[in-house]
Amino acid sequence: MNESSEQSGPGQNRSGRVRYLIGSKDRALNAQLAELLSADAEAVVLRKLGDQTAPDLLVVETSPEHAEALRERLGPEVTIERDQPLSAFERGREIRHFQEGESR
């Protein structure tokens, strides 16, 4: 596995690759995706989450253009989303303001 720790922008490394979460509800399909993406020169499988032989989710680094091509090729049964940092407090503020009748 090749993981770059140097970042050139939010979520993007110097090679132009971005982290994506890729998977489906079908863990057998996720295993096939792991094999497919491991052999793909334009993608780097960084992690397999869950069972290593039938993962729940894959963390993959690739270019935004290649991610879009994968979306088109793999179809709607496979979800490909850009990995985003989790923030426990941002959503809470939005909900609180909404409940208080404020528009934020």
PDB file of N, CA and C in Angstrom:
ATOM      1  N   MET A   1       0.828  -1.172   0.000  1.00  0.00           N
ATOM      2  CA  MET A   1       0.000   0.000   0.000  1.00  0.00           C
ATOM      3  C   MET A   1       0.874   1.236   0.000  1.00  0.00           C
ATOM      4  N   ASN A   2       0.457   2.238  -0.722  1.00  0.00           N
ATOM      5  CA  ASN A   2       1.194   3.469  -0.814  1.00  0.00           C
ATOM      6  C   ASN A   2       0.307   4.598  -0.347  1.00  0.00           C
ATOM      7  N   GLU A   3       0.665   5.230   0.777  1.00  0.00           N
ATOM      8  CA  GLU A   3      -0.159   6.302   1.321  1.00  0.00           C
ATOM      9  C   GLU A   3       0.685   7.545   1.469  1.00  0.00           C
ATOM     10  N   SER A   4       0.245   8.629   0.831  1.00  0.00           N
ATOM     11  CA  SER A   4       0.961   9.883   0.926  1.00  0.00           C
ATOM     12  C   SER A   4       0.443  10.674   2.103  1.00  0.00           C
ATOM     13  N   SER A   5       1.341  11.164   2.952  1.00  0.00           N
ATOM     14  CA  SER A   5       0.909  11.946   4.096  1.00  0.00           C
ATOM     15  C   SER A   5       0.978  13.433   3.798  1.00  0.00           C
ATOM     16  N   GLU A   6       1.593  13.824   2.687  1.00  0.00           N
ATOM     17  CA  GLU A   6       1.673  15.229   2.345  1.00  0.00           C
ATOM     18  C   GLU A   6       0.416  15.619   1.581  1.00  0.00           C
ATOM     19  N   GLN A   7      -0.207  16.696   2.024  1.00  0.00           N
ATOM     20  CA  GLN A   7      -1.456  17.136   1.426  1.00  0.00           C
ATOM     21  C   GLN A   7      -1.237  18.448   0.679  1.00  0.00           C
ATOM     22  N   SER A   8      -1.877  18.605  -0.498  1.00  0.00           N
ATOM     23  CA  SER A   8      -1.795  19.852  -1.238  1.00  0.00           C
ATOM     24  C   SER A   8      -3.096  20.621  -1.185  1.00  0.00           C
ATOM     25  N   GLY A   9      -4.131  20.055  -0.644  1.00  0.00           N
ATOM     26  CA  GLY A   9      -5.423  20.710  -0.511  1.00  0.00           C
ATOM     27  C   GLY A   9      -6.280  19.854   0.379  1.00  0.00           C
ATOM     28  N   PRO A  10      -7.489  20.335   0.691  1.00  0.00           N
ATOM     29  CA  PRO A  10      -8.339  19.542   1.575  1.00  0.00           C
ATOM     30  C   PRO A  10      -8.642  18.168   1.002  1.00  0.00           C
ATOM     31  N   GLY A  11      -8.117  17.127   1.639  1.00  0.00           N
ATOM     32  CA  GLY A  11      -8.402  15.762   1.212  1.00  0.00           C
ATOM     33  C   GLY A  11      -7.707  15.331  -0.058  1.00  0.00           C
ATOM     34  N   GLN A  12      -6.800  16.130  -0.555  1.00  0.00           N
ATOM     35  CA  GLN A  12      -6.149  15.797  -1.823  1.00  0.00           C
ATOM     36  C   GLN A  12      -4.641  15.823  -1.619  1.00  0.00           C
ATOM     37  N   ASN A  13      -3.940  14.789  -2.157  1.00  0.00           N
ATOM     38  CA  ASN A  13      -2.492  14.784  -2.010  1.00  0.00           C
ATOM     39  C   ASN A  13      -1.845  15.374  -3.262  1.00  0.00           C
ATOM     40  N   ARG A  14      -0.551  15.426  -3.274  1.00  0.00           N
ATOM     41  CA  ARG A  14       0.159  16.073  -4.388  1.00  0.00           C
ATOM     42  C   ARG A  14      -0.033  15.380  -5.729  1.00  0.00           C
ATOM     43  N   SER A  15      -0.398  14.105  -5.720  1.00  0.00           N
ATOM     44  CA  SER A  15      -0.610  13.399  -6.982  1.00  0.00           C
ATOM     45  C   SER A  15      -1.988  13.691  -7.555  1.00  0.00           C
ATOM     46  N   GLY A  16      -2.805  14.466  -6.833  1.00  0.00           N
ATOM     47  CA  GLY A  16      -4.155  14.759  -7.288  1.00  0.00           C
ATOM     48  C   GLY A  16      -5.160  13.718  -6.858  1.00  0.00           C
ATOM     49  N   ARG A  17      -4.708  12.759  -6.061  1.00  0.00           N
ATOM     50  CA  ARG A  17      -5.609  11.708  -5.581  1.00  0.00           C
ATOM     51  C   ARG A  17      -6.347  12.172  -4.337  1.00  0.00           C
ATOM     52  N   VAL A  18      -7.559  11.660  -4.196  1.00  0.00           N
ATOM     53  CA  VAL A  18      -8.436  11.986  -3.087  1.00  0.00           C
ATOM     54  C   VAL A  18      -8.898  10.674  -2.474  1.00  0.00           C
ATOM     55  N   ARG A  19      -9.198  10.676  -1.195  1.00  0.00           N
ATOM     56  CA  ARG A  19      -9.717   9.463  -0.545  1.00  0.00           C
ATOM     57  C   ARG A  19     -11.223   9.346  -0.769  1.00  0.00           C
ATOM     58  N   TYR A  20     -11.622   8.125  -1.098  1.00  0.00           N
ATOM     59  CA  TYR A  20     -13.039   7.807  -1.298  1.00  0.00           C
ATOM     60  C   TYR A  20     -13.402   6.589  -0.464  1.00  0.00           C
ATOM     61  N   LEU A  21     -14.659   6.543  -0.041  1.00  0.00           N
ATOM     62  CA  LEU A  21     -15.230   5.360   0.586  1.00  0.00           C
ATOM     63  C   LEU A  21     -16.020   4.648  -0.499  1.00  0.00           C
ATOM     64  N   ILE A  22     -15.717   3.380  -0.715  1.00  0.00           N
ATOM     65  CA  ILE A  22     -16.351   2.613  -1.793  1.00  0.00           C
ATOM     66  C   ILE A  22     -16.896   1.320  -1.210  1.00  0.00           C
ATOM     67  N   GLY A  23     -18.136   1.006  -1.564  1.00  0.00           N
ATOM     68  CA  GLY A  23     -18.719  -0.242  -1.089  1.00  0.00           C
ATOM     69  C   GLY A  23     -20.150  -0.414  -1.533  1.00  0.00           C
ATOM     70  N   SER A  24     -20.675  -1.565  -1.186  1.00  0.00           N
ATOM     71  CA  SER A  24     -22.065  -1.888  -1.468  1.00  0.00           C
ATOM     72  C   SER A  24     -22.618  -2.659  -0.271  1.00  0.00           C
ATOM     73  N   LYS A  25     -23.895  -2.963  -0.299  1.00  0.00           N
ATOM     74  CA  LYS A  25     -24.499  -3.763   0.765  1.00  0.00           C
ATOM     75  C   LYS A  25     -24.038  -5.213   0.697  1.00  0.00           C
ATOM     76  N   ASP A  26     -23.592  -5.633  -0.471  1.00  0.00           N
ATOM     77  CA  ASP A  26     -23.165  -7.011  -0.725  1.00  0.00           C
ATOM     78  C   ASP A  26     -21.666  -7.143  -0.442  1.00  0.00           C
ATOM     79  N   ARG A  27     -21.319  -7.813   0.648  1.00  0.00           N
ATOM     80  CA  ARG A  27     -19.910  -7.943   1.021  1.00  0.00           C
ATOM     81  C   ARG A  27     -19.123  -8.787   0.024  1.00  0.00           C
ATOM     82  N   ALA A  28     -19.768  -9.727  -0.639  1.00  0.00           N
ATOM     83  CA  ALA A  28     -19.070 -10.509  -1.671  1.00  0.00           C
ATOM     84  C   ALA A  28     -18.677  -9.587  -2.832  1.00  0.00           C
ATOM     85  N   LEU A  29     -19.564  -8.661  -3.169  1.00  0.00           N
ATOM     86  CA  LEU A  29     -19.240  -7.680  -4.208  1.00  0.00           C
ATOM     87  C   LEU A  29     -18.101  -6.783  -3.744  1.00  0.00           C
ATOM     88  N   ASN A  30     -18.080  -6.417  -2.460  1.00  0.00           N
ATOM     89  CA  ASN A  30     -16.986  -5.602  -1.931  1.00  0.00           C
ATOM     90  C   ASN A  30     -15.652  -6.333  -2.055  1.00  0.00           C
ATOM     91  N   ALA A  31     -15.658  -7.650  -1.860  1.00  0.00           N
ATOM     92  CA  ALA A  31     -14.433  -8.440  -2.025  1.00  0.00           C
ATOM     93  C   ALA A  31     -13.960  -8.375  -3.474  1.00  0.00           C
ATOM     94  N   GLN A  32     -14.906  -8.458  -4.411  1.00  0.00           N
ATOM     95  CA  GLN A  32     -14.561  -8.354  -5.833  1.00  0.00           C
ATOM     96  C   GLN A  32     -14.038  -6.955  -6.153  1.00  0.00           C
ATOM     97  N   LEU A  33     -14.650  -5.932  -5.558  1.00  0.00           N
ATOM     98  CA  LEU A  33     -14.191  -4.556  -5.771  1.00  0.00           C
ATOM     99  C   LEU A  33     -12.769  -4.376  -5.248  1.00  0.00           C
ATOM    100  N   ALA A  34     -12.466  -4.979  -4.096  1.00  0.00           N
ATOM    101  CA  ALA A  34     -11.117  -4.882  -3.532  1.00  0.00           C
ATOM    102  C   ALA A  34     -10.088  -5.468  -4.499  1.00  0.00           C
ATOM    103  N   GLU A  35     -10.402  -6.607  -5.097  1.00  0.00           N
ATOM    104  CA  GLU A  35      -9.495  -7.225  -6.068  1.00  0.00           C
ATOM    105  C   GLU A  35      -9.357  -6.350  -7.311  1.00  0.00           C
ATOM    106  N   LEU A  36     -10.500  -5.872  -7.811  1.00  0.00           N
ATOM    107  CA  LEU A  36     -10.508  -5.028  -9.011  1.00  0.00           C
ATOM    108  C   LEU A  36      -9.685  -3.764  -8.793  1.00  0.00           C
ATOM    109  N   LEU A  37      -9.917  -3.096  -7.663  1.00  0.00           N
ATOM    110  CA  LEU A  37      -9.229  -1.837  -7.393  1.00  0.00           C
ATOM    111  C   LEU A  37      -7.759  -2.042  -7.037  1.00  0.00           C
ATOM    112  N   SER A  38      -7.417  -3.174  -6.445  1.00  0.00           N
ATOM    113  CA  SER A  38      -6.009  -3.467  -6.148  1.00  0.00           C
ATOM    114  C   SER A  38      -5.192  -3.624  -7.420  1.00  0.00           C
ATOM    115  N   ALA A  39      -5.844  -4.069  -8.495  1.00  0.00           N
ATOM    116  CA  ALA A  39      -5.165  -4.241  -9.787  1.00  0.00           C
ATOM    117  C   ALA A  39      -5.248  -2.991 -10.660  1.00  0.00           C
ATOM    118  N   ASP A  40      -5.959  -1.971 -10.200  1.00  0.00           N
ATOM    119  CA  ASP A  40      -6.172  -0.736 -10.961  1.00  0.00           C
ATOM    120  C   ASP A  40      -5.009   0.215 -10.716  1.00  0.00           C
ATOM    121  N   ALA A  41      -4.286   0.566 -11.767  1.00  0.00           N
ATOM    122  CA  ALA A  41      -3.121   1.446 -11.641  1.00  0.00           C
ATOM    123  C   ALA A  41      -3.497   2.863 -11.209  1.00  0.00           C
ATOM    124  N   GLU A  42      -4.759   3.240 -11.380  1.00  0.00           N
ATOM    125  CA  GLU A  42      -5.190   4.591 -11.036  1.00  0.00           C
ATOM    126  C   GLU A  42      -5.817   4.680  -9.648  1.00  0.00           C
ATOM    127  N   ALA A  43      -5.792   3.584  -8.892  1.00  0.00           N
ATOM    128  CA  ALA A  43      -6.389   3.561  -7.555  1.00  0.00           C
ATOM    129  C   ALA A  43      -5.462   2.848  -6.590  1.00  0.00           C
ATOM    130  N   VAL A  44      -5.515   3.280  -5.332  1.00  0.00           N
ATOM    131  CA  VAL A  44      -4.752   2.638  -4.261  1.00  0.00           C
ATOM    132  C   VAL A  44      -5.741   2.280  -3.154  1.00  0.00           C
ATOM    133  N   VAL A  45      -5.859   0.998  -2.844  1.00  0.00           N
ATOM    134  CA  VAL A  45      -6.712   0.568  -1.737  1.00  0.00           C
ATOM    135  C   VAL A  45      -5.908   0.774  -0.458  1.00  0.00           C
ATOM    136  N   LEU A  46      -6.362   1.720   0.372  1.00  0.00           N
ATOM    137  CA  LEU A  46      -5.651   2.048   1.606  1.00  0.00           C
ATOM    138  C   LEU A  46      -6.079   1.149   2.760  1.00  0.00           C
ATOM    139  N   ARG A  47      -7.379   0.845   2.835  1.00  0.00           N
ATOM    140  CA  ARG A  47      -7.891   0.023   3.935  1.00  0.00           C
ATOM    141  C   ARG A  47      -9.114  -0.754   3.496  1.00  0.00           C
ATOM    142  N   LYS A  48      -9.271  -1.919   4.108  1.00  0.00           N
ATOM    143  CA  LYS A  48     -10.495  -2.710   4.003  1.00  0.00           C
ATOM    144  C   LYS A  48     -11.092  -2.717   5.397  1.00  0.00           C
ATOM    145  N   LEU A  49     -12.280  -2.159   5.545  1.00  0.00           N
ATOM    146  CA  LEU A  49     -12.915  -2.086   6.856  1.00  0.00           C
ATOM    147  C   LEU A  49     -13.803  -3.298   7.070  1.00  0.00           C
ATOM    148  N   GLY A  50     -13.686  -3.907   8.232  1.00  0.00           N
ATOM    149  CA  GLY A  50     -14.444  -5.120   8.525  1.00  0.00           C
ATOM    150  C   GLY A  50     -13.614  -6.339   8.176  1.00  0.00           C
ATOM    151  N   ASP A  51     -14.283  -7.396   7.806  1.00  0.00           N
ATOM    152  CA  ASP A  51     -13.653  -8.665   7.434  1.00  0.00           C
ATOM    153  C   ASP A  51     -12.747  -8.446   6.211  1.00  0.00           C
ATOM    154  N   GLN A  52     -11.512  -8.846   6.310  1.00  0.00           N
ATOM    155  CA  GLN A  52     -10.557  -8.616   5.222  1.00  0.00           C
ATOM    156  C   GLN A  52     -10.872  -9.415   3.958  1.00  0.00           C
ATOM    157  N   THR A  53     -11.556 -10.546   4.101  1.00  0.00           N
ATOM    158  CA  THR A  53     -11.900 -11.350   2.913  1.00  0.00           C
ATOM    159  C   THR A  53     -13.228 -10.923   2.299  1.00  0.00           C
ATOM    160  N   ALA A  54     -14.102 -10.308   3.097  1.00  0.00           N
ATOM    161  CA  ALA A  54     -15.392  -9.794   2.615  1.00  0.00           C
ATOM    162  C   ALA A  54     -15.663  -8.479   3.346  1.00  0.00           C
ATOM    163  N   PRO A  55     -14.966  -7.403   2.932  1.00  0.00           N
ATOM    164  CA  PRO A  55     -15.031  -6.145   3.686  1.00  0.00           C
ATOM    165  C   PRO A  55     -16.399  -5.462   3.627  1.00  0.00           C
ATOM    166  N   ASP A  56     -16.651  -4.655   4.656  1.00  0.00           N
ATOM    167  CA  ASP A  56     -17.857  -3.844   4.697  1.00  0.00           C
ATOM    168  C   ASP A  56     -17.698  -2.598   3.835  1.00  0.00           C
ATOM    169  N   LEU A  57     -16.462  -2.085   3.765  1.00  0.00           N
ATOM    170  CA  LEU A  57     -16.198  -0.828   3.088  1.00  0.00           C
ATOM    171  C   LEU A  57     -14.720  -0.753   2.716  1.00  0.00           C
ATOM    172  N   LEU A  58     -14.420  -0.056   1.637  1.00  0.00           N
ATOM    173  CA  LEU A  58     -13.039   0.139   1.205  1.00  0.00           C
ATOM    174  C   LEU A  58     -12.694   1.621   1.270  1.00  0.00           C
ATOM    175  N   VAL A  59     -11.478   1.919   1.699  1.00  0.00           N
ATOM    176  CA  VAL A  59     -10.956   3.280   1.638  1.00  0.00           C
ATOM    177  C   VAL A  59      -9.951   3.277   0.500  1.00  0.00           C
ATOM    178  N   VAL A  60     -10.238   4.082  -0.524  1.00  0.00           N
ATOM    179  CA  VAL A  60      -9.462   4.062  -1.760  1.00  0.00           C
ATOM    180  C   VAL A  60      -9.011   5.474  -2.098  1.00  0.00           C
ATOM    181  N   GLU A  61      -7.796   5.587  -2.591  1.00  0.00           N
ATOM    182  CA  GLU A  61      -7.276   6.868  -3.047  1.00  0.00           C
ATOM    183  C   GLU A  61      -7.217   6.838  -4.572  1.00  0.00           C
ATOM    184  N   THR A  62      -7.844   7.819  -5.207  1.00  0.00           N
ATOM    185  CA  THR A  62      -7.844   7.917  -6.664  1.00  0.00           C
ATOM    186  C   THR A  62      -8.162   9.351  -7.058  1.00  0.00           C
ATOM    187  N   SER A  63      -8.070   9.658  -8.324  1.00  0.00           N
ATOM    188  CA  SER A  63      -8.397  11.004  -8.789  1.00  0.00           C
ATOM    189  C   SER A  63      -9.913  11.171  -8.865  1.00  0.00           C
ATOM    190  N   PRO A  64     -10.412  12.396  -8.747  1.00  0.00           N
ATOM    191  CA  PRO A  64     -11.852  12.623  -8.892  1.00  0.00           C
ATOM    192  C   PRO A  64     -12.390  12.147 -10.248  1.00  0.00           C
ATOM    193  N   GLU A  65     -11.593  12.285 -11.285  1.00  0.00           N
ATOM    194  CA  GLU A  65     -12.011  11.845 -12.613  1.00  0.00           C
ATOM    195  C   GLU A  65     -12.159  10.328 -12.673  1.00  0.00           C
ATOM    196  N   HIS A  66     -11.221   9.634 -12.064  1.00  0.00           N
ATOM    197  CA  HIS A  66     -11.295   8.171 -12.069  1.00  0.00           C
ATOM    198  C   HIS A  66     -12.446   7.690 -11.191  1.00  0.00           C
ATOM    199  N   ALA A  67     -12.694   8.383 -10.082  1.00  0.00           N
ATOM    200  CA  ALA A  67     -13.831   8.026  -9.231  1.00  0.00           C
ATOM    201  C   ALA A  67     -15.136   8.148 -10.017  1.00  0.00           C
ATOM    202  N   GLU A  68     -15.264   9.185 -10.815  1.00  0.00           N
ATOM    203  CA  GLU A  68     -16.470   9.356 -11.631  1.00  0.00           C
ATOM    204  C   GLU A  68     -16.579   8.257 -12.688  1.00  0.00           C
ATOM    205  N   ALA A  69     -15.456   7.898 -13.293  1.00  0.00           N
ATOM    206  CA  ALA A  69     -15.469   6.802 -14.268  1.00  0.00           C
ATOM    207  C   ALA A  69     -15.875   5.487 -13.599  1.00  0.00           C
ATOM    208  N   LEU A  70     -15.401   5.263 -12.378  1.00  0.00           N
ATOM    209  CA  LEU A  70     -15.786   4.054 -11.636  1.00  0.00           C
ATOM    210  C   LEU A  70     -17.288   4.061 -11.331  1.00  0.00           C
ATOM    211  N   ARG A  71     -17.818   5.231 -10.962  1.00  0.00           N
ATOM    212  CA  ARG A  71     -19.263   5.338 -10.701  1.00  0.00           C
ATOM    213  C   ARG A  71     -20.069   4.913 -11.918  1.00  0.00           C
ATOM    214  N   GLU A  72     -19.660   5.409 -13.071  1.00  0.00           N
ATOM    215  CA  GLU A  72     -20.367   5.080 -14.318  1.00  0.00           C
ATOM    216  C   GLU A  72     -20.224   3.602 -14.659  1.00  0.00           C
ATOM    217  N   ARG A  73     -19.033   3.061 -14.461  1.00  0.00           N
ATOM    218  CA  ARG A  73     -18.759   1.669 -14.820  1.00  0.00           C
ATOM    219  C   ARG A  73     -19.413   0.671 -13.862  1.00  0.00           C
ATOM    220  N   LEU A  74     -19.405   0.980 -12.565  1.00  0.00           N
ATOM    221  CA  LEU A  74     -19.875   0.026 -11.564  1.00  0.00           C
ATOM    222  C   LEU A  74     -21.373   0.114 -11.300  1.00  0.00           C
ATOM    223  N   GLY A  75     -21.984   1.218 -11.632  1.00  0.00           N
ATOM    224  CA  GLY A  75     -23.431   1.335 -11.514  1.00  0.00           C
ATOM    225  C   GLY A  75     -23.923   1.677 -10.117  1.00  0.00           C
ATOM    226  N   PRO A  76     -25.238   1.730  -9.965  1.00  0.00           N
ATOM    227  CA  PRO A  76     -25.843   2.215  -8.718  1.00  0.00           C
ATOM    228  C   PRO A  76     -25.725   1.272  -7.526  1.00  0.00           C
ATOM    229  N   GLU A  77     -25.381   0.012  -7.744  1.00  0.00           N
ATOM    230  CA  GLU A  77     -25.253  -0.896  -6.601  1.00  0.00           C
ATOM    231  C   GLU A  77     -23.976  -0.667  -5.806  1.00  0.00           C
ATOM    232  N   VAL A  78     -23.069   0.165  -6.333  1.00  0.00           N
ATOM    233  CA  VAL A  78     -21.823   0.500  -5.643  1.00  0.00           C
ATOM    234  C   VAL A  78     -21.848   1.990  -5.311  1.00  0.00           C
ATOM    235  N   THR A  79     -21.607   2.304  -4.047  1.00  0.00           N
ATOM    236  CA  THR A  79     -21.558   3.699  -3.604  1.00  0.00           C
ATOM    237  C   THR A  79     -20.113   4.156  -3.556  1.00  0.00           C
ATOM    238  N   ILE A  80     -19.864   5.312  -4.160  1.00  0.00           N
ATOM    239  CA  ILE A  80     -18.531   5.911  -4.143  1.00  0.00           C
ATOM    240  C   ILE A  80     -18.696   7.341  -3.649  1.00  0.00           C
ATOM    241  N   GLU A  81     -18.179   7.617  -2.447  1.00  0.00           N
ATOM    242  CA  GLU A  81     -18.305   8.932  -1.847  1.00  0.00           C
ATOM    243  C   GLU A  81     -16.943   9.426  -1.402  1.00  0.00           C
ATOM    244  N   ARG A  82     -16.728  10.705  -1.559  1.00  0.00           N
ATOM    245  CA  ARG A  82     -15.488  11.304  -1.094  1.00  0.00           C
ATOM    246  C   ARG A  82     -15.440  11.213   0.429  1.00  0.00           C
ATOM    247  N   ASP A  83     -14.299  10.795   0.953  1.00  0.00           N
ATOM    248  CA  ASP A  83     -14.111  10.684   2.396  1.00  0.00           C
ATOM    249  C   ASP A  83     -14.024  12.088   2.979  1.00  0.00           C
ATOM    250  N   GLN A  84     -14.785  12.336   4.024  1.00  0.00           N
ATOM    251  CA  GLN A  84     -14.803  13.640   4.679  1.00  0.00           C
ATOM    252  C   GLN A  84     -14.503  13.464   6.159  1.00  0.00           C
ATOM    253  N   PRO A  85     -13.839  14.436   6.763  1.00  0.00           N
ATOM    254  CA  PRO A  85     -13.615  14.350   8.208  1.00  0.00           C
ATOM    255  C   PRO A  85     -14.944  14.421   8.953  1.00  0.00           C
ATOM    256  N   LEU A  86     -15.038  13.685  10.027  1.00  0.00           N
ATOM    257  CA  LEU A  86     -16.236  13.723  10.855  1.00  0.00           C
ATOM    258  C   LEU A  86     -16.130  14.886  11.830  1.00  0.00           C
ATOM    259  N   SER A  87     -17.251  15.547  12.043  1.00  0.00           N
ATOM    260  CA  SER A  87     -17.298  16.622  13.015  1.00  0.00           C
ATOM    261  C   SER A  87     -18.563  16.450  13.840  1.00  0.00           C
ATOM    262  N   ALA A  88     -18.402  16.091  15.078  1.00  0.00           N
ATOM    263  CA  ALA A  88     -19.546  15.799  15.937  1.00  0.00           C
ATOM    264  C   ALA A  88     -20.352  17.045  16.276  1.00  0.00           C
ATOM    265  N   PHE A  89     -19.781  18.218  16.174  1.00  0.00           N
ATOM    266  CA  PHE A  89     -20.465  19.409  16.662  1.00  0.00           C
ATOM    267  C   PHE A  89     -21.103  20.245  15.573  1.00  0.00           C
ATOM    268  N   GLU A  90     -20.618  20.197  14.365  1.00  0.00           N
ATOM    269  CA  GLU A  90     -21.188  21.009  13.286  1.00  0.00           C
ATOM    270  C   GLU A  90     -22.645  20.678  13.042  1.00  0.00           C
ATOM    271  N   ARG A  91     -22.990  19.427  12.917  1.00  0.00           N
ATOM    272  CA  ARG A  91     -24.369  19.019  12.649  1.00  0.00           C
ATOM    273  C   ARG A  91     -25.275  19.384  13.816  1.00  0.00           C
ATOM    274  N   GLY A  92     -24.774  19.269  15.031  1.00  0.00           N
ATOM    275  CA  GLY A  92     -25.558  19.601  16.209  1.00  0.00           C
ATOM    276  C   GLY A  92     -26.000  21.055  16.202  1.00  0.00           C
ATOM    277  N   ARG A  93     -25.114  21.951  15.791  1.00  0.00           N
ATOM    278  CA  ARG A  93     -25.479  23.369  15.725  1.00  0.00           C
ATOM    279  C   ARG A  93     -26.568  23.599  14.685  1.00  0.00           C
ATOM    280  N   GLU A  94     -26.458  22.928  13.532  1.00  0.00           N
ATOM    281  CA  GLU A  94     -27.475  23.073  12.495  1.00  0.00           C
ATOM    282  C   GLU A  94     -28.825  22.609  13.009  1.00  0.00           C
ATOM    283  N   ILE A  95     -28.846  21.492  13.703  1.00  0.00           N
ATOM    284  CA  ILE A  95     -30.103  20.954  14.222  1.00  0.00           C
ATOM    285  C   ILE A  95     -30.666  21.898  15.280  1.00  0.00           C
ATOM    286  N   ARG A  96     -29.825  22.377  16.185  1.00  0.00           N
ATOM    287  CA  ARG A  96     -30.292  23.265  17.244  1.00  0.00           C
ATOM    288  C   ARG A  96     -30.898  24.534  16.662  1.00  0.00           C
ATOM    289  N   HIS A  97     -30.227  25.148  15.678  1.00  0.00           N
ATOM    290  CA  HIS A  97     -30.745  26.371  15.065  1.00  0.00           C
ATOM    291  C   HIS A  97     -32.052  26.101  14.331  1.00  0.00           C
ATOM    292  N   PHE A  98     -32.145  24.950  13.677  1.00  0.00           N
ATOM    293  CA  PHE A  98     -33.363  24.595  12.977  1.00  0.00           C
ATOM    294  C   PHE A  98     -34.508  24.438  13.967  1.00  0.00           C
ATOM    295  N   GLN A  99     -34.240  23.767  15.082  1.00  0.00           N
ATOM    296  CA  GLN A  99     -35.287  23.541  16.077  1.00  0.00           C
ATOM    297  C   GLN A  99     -35.712  24.846  16.740  1.00  0.00           C
ATOM    298  N   GLU A 100     -34.803  25.802  16.859  1.00  0.00           N
ATOM    299  CA  GLU A 100     -35.120  27.086  17.469  1.00  0.00           C
ATOM    300  C   GLU A 100     -35.770  28.049  16.473  1.00  0.00           C
ATOM    301  N   GLY A 101     -35.913  27.602  15.212  1.00  0.00           N
ATOM    302  CA  GLY A 101     -36.565  28.435  14.213  1.00  0.00           C
ATOM    303  C   GLY A 101     -35.612  29.375  13.486  1.00  0.00           C
ATOM    304  N   GLU A 102     -34.344  29.271  13.736  1.00  0.00           N
ATOM    305  CA  GLU A 102     -33.372  30.103  13.040  1.00  0.00           C
ATOM    306  C   GLU A 102     -32.976  29.418  11.742  1.00  0.00           C
ATOM    307  N   SER A 103     -32.688  30.188  10.728  1.00  0.00           N
ATOM    308  CA  SER A 103     -32.243  29.608   9.461  1.00  0.00           C
ATOM    309  C   SER A 103     -30.744  29.791   9.313  1.00  0.00           C
ATOM    310  N   ARG A 104     -30.019  28.742   9.564  1.00  0.00           N
ATOM    311  CA  ARG A 104     -28.563  28.753   9.403  1.00  0.00           C
ATOM    312  C   ARG A 104     -28.137  27.573   8.607  1.00  0.00           C
TER     313      ARG A 104
END
